PDB file of N, CA and C in Angstrom:
ATOM      1  N   MET A   1     -16.014  -3.393 -17.471  1.00  0.00           N
ATOM      2  CA  MET A   1     -14.738  -4.021 -17.189  1.00  0.00           C
ATOM      3  C   MET A   1     -14.815  -5.478 -17.247  1.00  0.00           C
ATOM      4  N   PHE A   2     -13.556  -5.955 -17.362  1.00  0.00           N
ATOM      5  CA  PHE A   2     -13.337  -7.401 -17.393  1.00  0.00           C
ATOM      6  C   PHE A   2     -13.384  -8.262 -16.229  1.00  0.00           C
ATOM      7  N   PRO A   3     -14.023  -9.051 -15.936  1.00  0.00           N
ATOM      8  CA  PRO A   3     -14.398  -9.849 -14.749  1.00  0.00           C
ATOM      9  C   PRO A   3     -13.017 -10.452 -14.355  1.00  0.00           C
ATOM     10  N   TYR A   4     -12.794 -10.448 -12.906  1.00  0.00           N
ATOM     11  CA  TYR A   4     -11.539 -11.025 -12.322  1.00  0.00           C
ATOM     12  C   TYR A   4     -11.782 -12.233 -11.490  1.00  0.00           C
ATOM     13  N   ALA A   5     -11.220 -13.247 -11.801  1.00  0.00           N
ATOM     14  CA  ALA A   5     -11.311 -14.576 -11.009  1.00  0.00           C
ATOM     15  C   ALA A   5      -9.957 -14.903 -10.093  1.00  0.00           C
ATOM     16  N   ASP A   6     -10.494 -14.975  -8.916  1.00  0.00           N
ATOM     17  CA  ASP A   6      -9.423 -15.409  -7.956  1.00  0.00           C
ATOM     18  C   ASP A   6      -9.465 -17.004  -7.593  1.00  0.00           C
ATOM     19  N   LYS A   7     -10.620 -17.705  -7.975  1.00  0.00           N
ATOM     20  CA  LYS A   7     -10.777 -18.855  -7.681  1.00  0.00           C
ATOM     21  C   LYS A   7     -11.694 -19.283  -8.891  1.00  0.00           C
ATOM     22  N   PRO A   8     -11.651 -20.609  -9.384  1.00  0.00           N
ATOM     23  CA  PRO A   8     -12.423 -21.137 -10.315  1.00  0.00           C
ATOM     24  C   PRO A   8     -13.912 -20.682 -10.550  1.00  0.00           C
ATOM     25  N   GLU A   9     -14.668 -20.626  -9.499  1.00  0.00           N
ATOM     26  CA  GLU A   9     -15.924 -20.091  -9.391  1.00  0.00           C
ATOM     27  C   GLU A   9     -16.113 -18.542  -8.945  1.00  0.00           C
ATOM     28  N   ASP A  10     -14.954 -17.989  -8.579  1.00  0.00           N
ATOM     29  CA  ASP A  10     -15.374 -16.690  -8.020  1.00  0.00           C
ATOM     30  C   ASP A  10     -15.069 -15.547  -9.113  1.00  0.00           C
ATOM     31  N   TYR A  11     -15.907 -14.701  -9.424  1.00  0.00           N
ATOM     32  CA  TYR A  11     -15.741 -13.741 -10.362  1.00  0.00           C
ATOM     33  C   TYR A  11     -16.018 -12.294  -9.810  1.00  0.00           C
ATOM     34  N   TRP A  12     -15.178 -11.311 -10.183  1.00  0.00           N
ATOM     35  CA  TRP A  12     -15.517 -10.085  -9.621  1.00  0.00           C
ATOM     36  C   TRP A  12     -15.384  -9.123 -10.667  1.00  0.00           C
ATOM     37  N   THR A  13     -15.955  -8.082 -10.576  1.00  0.00           N
ATOM     38  CA  THR A  13     -16.140  -6.861 -11.476  1.00  0.00           C
ATOM     39  C   THR A  13     -16.004  -5.535 -10.830  1.00  0.00           C
ATOM     40  N   GLY A  14     -15.777  -4.481 -11.557  1.00  0.00           N
ATOM     41  CA  GLY A  14     -15.965  -3.218 -10.898  1.00  0.00           C
ATOM     42  C   GLY A  14     -14.987  -2.782 -10.029  1.00  0.00           C
ATOM     43  N   TYR A  15     -15.112  -2.467  -8.683  1.00  0.00           N
ATOM     44  CA  TYR A  15     -14.295  -1.766  -7.758  1.00  0.00           C
ATOM     45  C   TYR A  15     -13.199  -2.820  -7.589  1.00  0.00           C
ATOM     46  N   PHE A  16     -13.458  -4.047  -7.304  1.00  0.00           N
ATOM     47  CA  PHE A  16     -12.476  -5.108  -7.071  1.00  0.00           C
ATOM     48  C   PHE A  16     -11.446  -5.339  -8.157  1.00  0.00           C
ATOM     49  N   THR A  17     -11.766  -5.052  -9.258  1.00  0.00           N
ATOM     50  CA  THR A  17     -10.712  -5.222 -10.429  1.00  0.00           C
ATOM     51  C   THR A  17     -10.162  -4.048 -10.703  1.00  0.00           C
ATOM     52  N   SER A  18     -10.432  -2.853 -10.527  1.00  0.00           N
ATOM     53  CA  SER A  18      -9.983  -1.677 -11.037  1.00  0.00           C
ATOM     54  C   SER A  18      -8.696  -1.280 -10.090  1.00  0.00           C
ATOM     55  N   ARG A  19      -7.671  -0.915 -10.708  1.00  0.00           N
ATOM     56  CA  ARG A  19      -6.423  -0.443  -9.925  1.00  0.00           C
ATOM     57  C   ARG A  19      -5.873  -1.510  -8.878  1.00  0.00           C
ATOM     58  N   ALA A  20      -5.805  -2.558  -9.007  1.00  0.00           N
ATOM     59  CA  ALA A  20      -5.393  -3.604  -8.208  1.00  0.00           C
ATOM     60  C   ALA A  20      -4.033  -3.377  -7.764  1.00  0.00           C
ATOM     61  N   GLY A  21      -2.963  -2.770  -8.530  1.00  0.00           N
ATOM     62  CA  GLY A  21      -1.823  -2.442  -8.308  1.00  0.00           C
ATOM     63  C   GLY A  21      -1.579  -1.314  -7.125  1.00  0.00           C
ATOM     64  N   ALA A  22      -2.707  -0.309  -7.386  1.00  0.00           N
ATOM     65  CA  ALA A  22      -2.503   0.948  -6.605  1.00  0.00           C
ATOM     66  C   ALA A  22      -3.104   0.619  -5.186  1.00  0.00           C
ATOM     67  N   LYS A  23      -3.977  -0.335  -5.123  1.00  0.00           N
ATOM     68  CA  LYS A  23      -4.651  -0.827  -3.843  1.00  0.00           C
ATOM     69  C   LYS A  23      -3.490  -1.557  -3.136  1.00  0.00           C
ATOM     70  N   TRP A  24      -2.721  -2.510  -3.843  1.00  0.00           N
ATOM     71  CA  TRP A  24      -1.591  -3.130  -3.016  1.00  0.00           C
ATOM     72  C   TRP A  24      -0.549  -2.016  -2.556  1.00  0.00           C
ATOM     73  N   GLN A  25      -0.381  -0.967  -3.461  1.00  0.00           N
ATOM     74  CA  GLN A  25       0.560  -0.008  -2.809  1.00  0.00           C
ATOM     75  C   GLN A  25      -0.097   0.559  -1.502  1.00  0.00           C
ATOM     76  N   VAL A  26      -1.215   1.021  -1.760  1.00  0.00           N
ATOM     77  CA  VAL A  26      -1.693   1.437  -0.395  1.00  0.00           C
ATOM     78  C   VAL A  26      -1.578   0.578   0.914  1.00  0.00           C
ATOM     79  N   ARG A  27      -1.832  -0.644   0.605  1.00  0.00           N
ATOM     80  CA  ARG A  27      -1.720  -1.589   1.747  1.00  0.00           C
ATOM     81  C   ARG A  27      -0.153  -1.654   2.188  1.00  0.00           C
ATOM     82  N   GLU A  28       0.785  -1.719   1.179  1.00  0.00           N
ATOM     83  CA  GLU A  28       2.142  -1.627   1.469  1.00  0.00           C
ATOM     84  C   GLU A  28       2.627  -0.175   2.303  1.00  0.00           C
ATOM     85  N   GLY A  29       2.041   0.872   1.632  1.00  0.00           N
ATOM     86  CA  GLY A  29       2.201   2.145   2.284  1.00  0.00           C
ATOM     87  C   GLY A  29       1.738   2.252   3.814  1.00  0.00           C
ATOM     88  N   GLN A  30       0.406   1.656   4.094  1.00  0.00           N
ATOM     89  CA  GLN A  30      -0.186   1.522   5.361  1.00  0.00           C
ATOM     90  C   GLN A  30       0.884   0.639   6.259  1.00  0.00           C
ATOM     91  N   ALA A  31       1.308  -0.323   5.943  1.00  0.00           N
ATOM     92  CA  ALA A  31       2.361  -0.813   6.560  1.00  0.00           C
ATOM     93  C   ALA A  31       3.641  -0.225   6.997  1.00  0.00           C
ATOM     94  N   ALA A  32       4.107   0.570   5.859  1.00  0.00           N
ATOM     95  CA  ALA A  32       5.216   1.286   6.068  1.00  0.00           C
ATOM     96  C   ALA A  32       4.995   2.581   7.087  1.00  0.00           C
ATOM     97  N   LEU A  33       3.845   3.070   6.989  1.00  0.00           N
ATOM     98  CA  LEU A  33       3.352   4.072   7.775  1.00  0.00           C
ATOM     99  C   LEU A  33       3.382   3.716   9.461  1.00  0.00           C
ATOM    100  N   HIS A  34       2.791   2.280   9.277  1.00  0.00           N
ATOM    101  CA  HIS A  34       2.866   1.676  10.867  1.00  0.00           C
ATOM    102  C   HIS A  34       4.339   1.662  11.537  1.00  0.00           C
ATOM    103  N   ALA A  35       5.076   0.979  10.718  1.00  0.00           N
ATOM    104  CA  ALA A  35       6.522   0.841  11.020  1.00  0.00           C
ATOM    105  C   ALA A  35       7.119   2.121  11.421  1.00  0.00           C
ATOM    106  N   ALA A  36       6.825   3.380  10.798  1.00  0.00           N
ATOM    107  CA  ALA A  36       7.362   4.525  10.940  1.00  0.00           C
ATOM    108  C   ALA A  36       6.970   4.934  12.391  1.00  0.00           C
ATOM    109  N   GLY A  37       5.766   4.867  12.777  1.00  0.00           N
ATOM    110  CA  GLY A  37       5.179   5.136  13.928  1.00  0.00           C
ATOM    111  C   GLY A  37       5.982   4.389  15.151  1.00  0.00           C
ATOM    112  N   TRP A  38       6.258   3.083  14.627  1.00  0.00           N
ATOM    113  CA  TRP A  38       7.082   2.300  15.962  1.00  0.00           C
ATOM    114  C   TRP A  38       8.535   2.862  15.819  1.00  0.00           C
ATOM    115  N   LEU A  39       9.103   3.280  14.672  1.00  0.00           N
ATOM    116  CA  LEU A  39      10.579   3.719  14.710  1.00  0.00           C
ATOM    117  C   LEU A  39      10.411   5.120  15.525  1.00  0.00           C
ATOM    118  N   TYR A  40       9.325   5.867  15.200  1.00  0.00           N
ATOM    119  CA  TYR A  40       9.416   7.212  15.931  1.00  0.00           C
ATOM    120  C   TYR A  40       9.214   7.025  17.450  1.00  0.00           C
ATOM    121  N   SER A  41       8.265   6.053  17.998  1.00  0.00           N
ATOM    122  CA  SER A  41       8.253   5.734  19.333  1.00  0.00           C
ATOM    123  C   SER A  41       9.679   5.332  19.962  1.00  0.00           C
ATOM    124  N   ILE A  42      10.116   4.576  19.332  1.00  0.00           N
ATOM    125  CA  ILE A  42      11.639   4.035  19.808  1.00  0.00           C
ATOM    126  C   ILE A  42      12.591   4.952  19.957  1.00  0.00           C
ATOM    127  N   ARG A  43      12.754   5.879  18.885  1.00  0.00           N
ATOM    128  CA  ARG A  43      13.531   7.159  18.692  1.00  0.00           C
ATOM    129  C   ARG A  43      13.374   8.027  19.994  1.00  0.00           C
ATOM    130  N   VAL A  44      11.936   8.347  20.179  1.00  0.00           N
ATOM    131  CA  VAL A  44      11.866   9.230  21.202  1.00  0.00           C
ATOM    132  C   VAL A  44      12.126   8.757  22.665  1.00  0.00           C
ATOM    133  N   LEU A  45      11.850   7.392  22.909  1.00  0.00           N
ATOM    134  CA  LEU A  45      12.137   6.838  24.020  1.00  0.00           C
ATOM    135  C   LEU A  45      13.591   6.459  24.385  1.00  0.00           C
ATOM    136  N   ASP A  46      14.233   6.353  23.328  1.00  0.00           N
ATOM    137  CA  ASP A  46      15.737   6.453  23.748  1.00  0.00           C
ATOM    138  C   ASP A  46      16.476   7.531  23.932  1.00  0.00           C
ATOM    139  N   GLN A  47      16.981   7.612  25.205  1.00  0.00           N
ATOM    140  CA  GLN A  47      17.522   8.905  25.635  1.00  0.00           C
ATOM    141  C   GLN A  47      18.736   9.318  25.083  1.00  0.00           C
ATOM    142  N   ASN A  48      19.503   8.499  24.136  1.00  0.00           N
ATOM    143  CA  ASN A  48      20.442   8.804  23.363  1.00  0.00           C
ATOM    144  C   ASN A  48      20.420   9.233  22.238  1.00  0.00           C
ATOM    145  N   SER A  49      19.021   9.297  21.714  1.00  0.00           N
ATOM    146  CA  SER A  49      18.876   9.746  20.420  1.00  0.00           C
ATOM    147  C   SER A  49      19.121  11.318  20.173  1.00  0.00           C
ATOM    148  N   THR A  50      19.545  11.932  19.089  1.00  0.00           N
ATOM    149  CA  THR A  50      19.801  13.315  19.101  1.00  0.00           C
ATOM    150  C   THR A  50      18.379  14.041  18.423  1.00  0.00           C
ATOM    151  N   ASP A  51      18.460  15.220  18.320  1.00  0.00           N
ATOM    152  CA  ASP A  51      17.297  15.875  17.830  1.00  0.00           C
ATOM    153  C   ASP A  51      17.313  15.478  16.233  1.00  0.00           C
ATOM    154  N   GLY A  52      18.433  15.575  15.895  1.00  0.00           N
ATOM    155  CA  GLY A  52      18.418  15.361  14.320  1.00  0.00           C
ATOM    156  C   GLY A  52      17.878  14.028  14.029  1.00  0.00           C
ATOM    157  N   GLN A  53      18.230  12.845  14.662  1.00  0.00           N
ATOM    158  CA  GLN A  53      17.610  11.764  14.315  1.00  0.00           C
ATOM    159  C   GLN A  53      16.105  11.705  14.531  1.00  0.00           C
ATOM    160  N   ILE A  54      15.707  12.238  15.538  1.00  0.00           N
ATOM    161  CA  ILE A  54      14.145  12.442  15.832  1.00  0.00           C
ATOM    162  C   ILE A  54      13.309  13.294  14.635  1.00  0.00           C
ATOM    163  N   SER A  55      14.202  14.228  14.424  1.00  0.00           N
ATOM    164  CA  SER A  55      13.599  15.068  13.267  1.00  0.00           C
ATOM    165  C   SER A  55      13.606  14.362  11.871  1.00  0.00           C
ATOM    166  N   SER A  56      14.557  13.461  11.585  1.00  0.00           N
ATOM    167  CA  SER A  56      14.514  12.801  10.353  1.00  0.00           C
ATOM    168  C   SER A  56      13.479  11.681  10.322  1.00  0.00           C
ATOM    169  N   VAL A  57      13.114  11.051  11.513  1.00  0.00           N
ATOM    170  CA  VAL A  57      12.043  10.294  11.591  1.00  0.00           C
ATOM    171  C   VAL A  57      10.912  10.935  11.357  1.00  0.00           C
ATOM    172  N   ILE A  58      10.584  12.111  11.895  1.00  0.00           N
ATOM    173  CA  ILE A  58       9.468  12.866  11.825  1.00  0.00           C
ATOM    174  C   ILE A  58       9.154  13.305  10.526  1.00  0.00           C
ATOM    175  N   ALA A  59      10.379  13.820   9.797  1.00  0.00           N
ATOM    176  CA  ALA A  59      10.082  14.214   8.287  1.00  0.00           C
ATOM    177  C   ALA A  59       9.592  12.992   7.452  1.00  0.00           C
ATOM    178  N   ALA A  60      10.231  11.786   7.877  1.00  0.00           N
ATOM    179  CA  ALA A  60      10.026  10.555   6.675  1.00  0.00           C
ATOM    180  C   ALA A  60       8.421  10.200   7.001  1.00  0.00           C
ATOM    181  N   ARG A  61       8.002  10.236   8.338  1.00  0.00           N
ATOM    182  CA  ARG A  61       6.715   9.837   8.664  1.00  0.00           C
ATOM    183  C   ARG A  61       5.756  10.754   7.845  1.00  0.00           C
ATOM    184  N   ASP A  62       6.094  12.235   8.063  1.00  0.00           N
ATOM    185  CA  ASP A  62       5.279  13.319   7.637  1.00  0.00           C
ATOM    186  C   ASP A  62       5.101  13.095   6.062  1.00  0.00           C
ATOM    187  N   ALA A  63       6.258  12.695   5.507  1.00  0.00           N
ATOM    188  CA  ALA A  63       6.277  12.654   3.971  1.00  0.00           C
ATOM    189  C   ALA A  63       5.178  11.459   3.724  1.00  0.00           C
ATOM    190  N   LEU A  64       5.497  10.417   4.299  1.00  0.00           N
ATOM    191  CA  LEU A  64       4.563   9.157   4.057  1.00  0.00           C
ATOM    192  C   LEU A  64       3.039   9.565   4.318  1.00  0.00           C
ATOM    193  N   LEU A  65       2.961  10.222   5.274  1.00  0.00           N
ATOM    194  CA  LEU A  65       1.304  10.731   5.680  1.00  0.00           C
ATOM    195  C   LEU A  65       0.779  11.430   4.488  1.00  0.00           C
ATOM    196  N   ASP A  66       1.616  12.425   4.093  1.00  0.00           N
ATOM    197  CA  ASP A  66       1.145  13.189   2.766  1.00  0.00           C
ATOM    198  C   ASP A  66       0.764  12.207   1.699  1.00  0.00           C
ATOM    199  N   SER A  67       1.819  11.712   1.255  1.00  0.00           N
ATOM    200  CA  SER A  67       1.689  10.587   0.100  1.00  0.00           C
ATOM    201  C   SER A  67       0.430   9.585   0.293  1.00  0.00           C
ATOM    202  N   MET A  68       0.169   9.056   1.533  1.00  0.00           N
ATOM    203  CA  MET A  68      -0.909   8.120   1.649  1.00  0.00           C
ATOM    204  C   MET A  68      -2.334   8.857   1.739  1.00  0.00           C
ATOM    205  N   GLY A  69      -2.140  10.057   2.089  1.00  0.00           N
ATOM    206  CA  GLY A  69      -3.380  10.973   2.175  1.00  0.00           C
ATOM    207  C   GLY A  69      -3.869  11.237   0.673  1.00  0.00           C
ATOM    208  N   ILE A  70      -2.953  11.608  -0.049  1.00  0.00           N
ATOM    209  CA  ILE A  70      -3.347  11.785  -1.541  1.00  0.00           C
ATOM    210  C   ILE A  70      -3.651  10.586  -2.345  1.00  0.00           C
ATOM    211  N   TYR A  71      -2.801   9.659  -2.126  1.00  0.00           N
ATOM    212  CA  TYR A  71      -3.113   8.228  -2.653  1.00  0.00           C
ATOM    213  C   TYR A  71      -4.446   7.809  -2.209  1.00  0.00           C
ATOM    214  N   GLN A  72      -4.973   7.886  -1.133  1.00  0.00           N
ATOM    215  CA  GLN A  72      -6.063   7.261  -0.747  1.00  0.00           C
ATOM    216  C   GLN A  72      -7.393   7.992  -0.918  1.00  0.00           C
ATOM    217  N   HIS A  73      -7.265   9.228  -1.502  1.00  0.00           N
ATOM    218  CA  HIS A  73      -8.258  10.086  -1.844  1.00  0.00           C
ATOM    219  C   HIS A  73      -9.146   9.482  -2.981  1.00  0.00           C
ATOM    220  N   HIS A  74     -10.482   9.469  -2.669  1.00  0.00           N
ATOM    221  CA  HIS A  74     -11.542   8.910  -3.578  1.00  0.00           C
ATOM    222  C   HIS A  74     -10.994   8.974  -5.055  1.00  0.00           C
ATOM    223  N   ASP A  75     -10.530  10.132  -5.445  1.00  0.00           N
ATOM    224  CA  ASP A  75     -10.545  10.297  -6.967  1.00  0.00           C
ATOM    225  C   ASP A  75      -9.198   9.745  -7.264  1.00  0.00           C
ATOM    226  N   ALA A  76      -8.076   9.531  -6.578  1.00  0.00           N
ATOM    227  CA  ALA A  76      -6.976   8.855  -6.790  1.00  0.00           C
ATOM    228  C   ALA A  76      -7.389   7.084  -6.885  1.00  0.00           C
ATOM    229  N   VAL A  77      -8.028   6.689  -5.917  1.00  0.00           N
ATOM    230  CA  VAL A  77      -8.437   5.127  -5.743  1.00  0.00           C
ATOM    231  C   VAL A  77      -9.391   4.904  -7.063  1.00  0.00           C
ATOM    232  N   THR A  78     -10.219   5.805  -7.411  1.00  0.00           N
ATOM    233  CA  THR A  78     -11.049   5.206  -8.647  1.00  0.00           C
ATOM    234  C   THR A  78     -10.469   5.726  -9.981  1.00  0.00           C
ATOM    235  N   GLY A  79      -9.606   6.421 -10.022  1.00  0.00           N
ATOM    236  CA  GLY A  79      -8.763   6.922 -11.154  1.00  0.00           C
ATOM    237  C   GLY A  79      -9.691   8.103 -11.738  1.00  0.00           C
ATOM    238  N   THR A  80     -10.387   8.909 -11.037  1.00  0.00           N
ATOM    239  CA  THR A  80     -10.972  10.069 -11.639  1.00  0.00           C
ATOM    240  C   THR A  80     -10.245  11.410 -11.463  1.00  0.00           C
ATOM    241  N   ALA A  81      -9.120  11.462 -10.779  1.00  0.00           N
ATOM    242  CA  ALA A  81      -8.244  12.478 -10.520  1.00  0.00           C
ATOM    243  C   ALA A  81      -7.721  12.689 -12.074  1.00  0.00           C
ATOM    244  N   LYS A  82      -7.223  14.141 -12.165  1.00  0.00           N
ATOM    245  CA  LYS A  82      -6.580  14.526 -13.453  1.00  0.00           C
ATOM    246  C   LYS A  82      -4.972  14.300 -13.288  1.00  0.00           C
TER     247      LYS A  82
END
């Protein structure tokens, strides 16, 4: 792998240089998942929320959990998945 430099004297190779875009997407997904947890909490605590609103937040959160689980699997991170 080619070395990666983030500062003039700091070079990285291997894990730190592979799939940098994917790792960024995982960080962004984790942030969205955290926000979804907050939205779920707010909806549940709001007594004016309908069952449909709560169900839609749960469905979105579950879909993101599934995606993040697959994306963070070691084969996906290392690029060895088929």
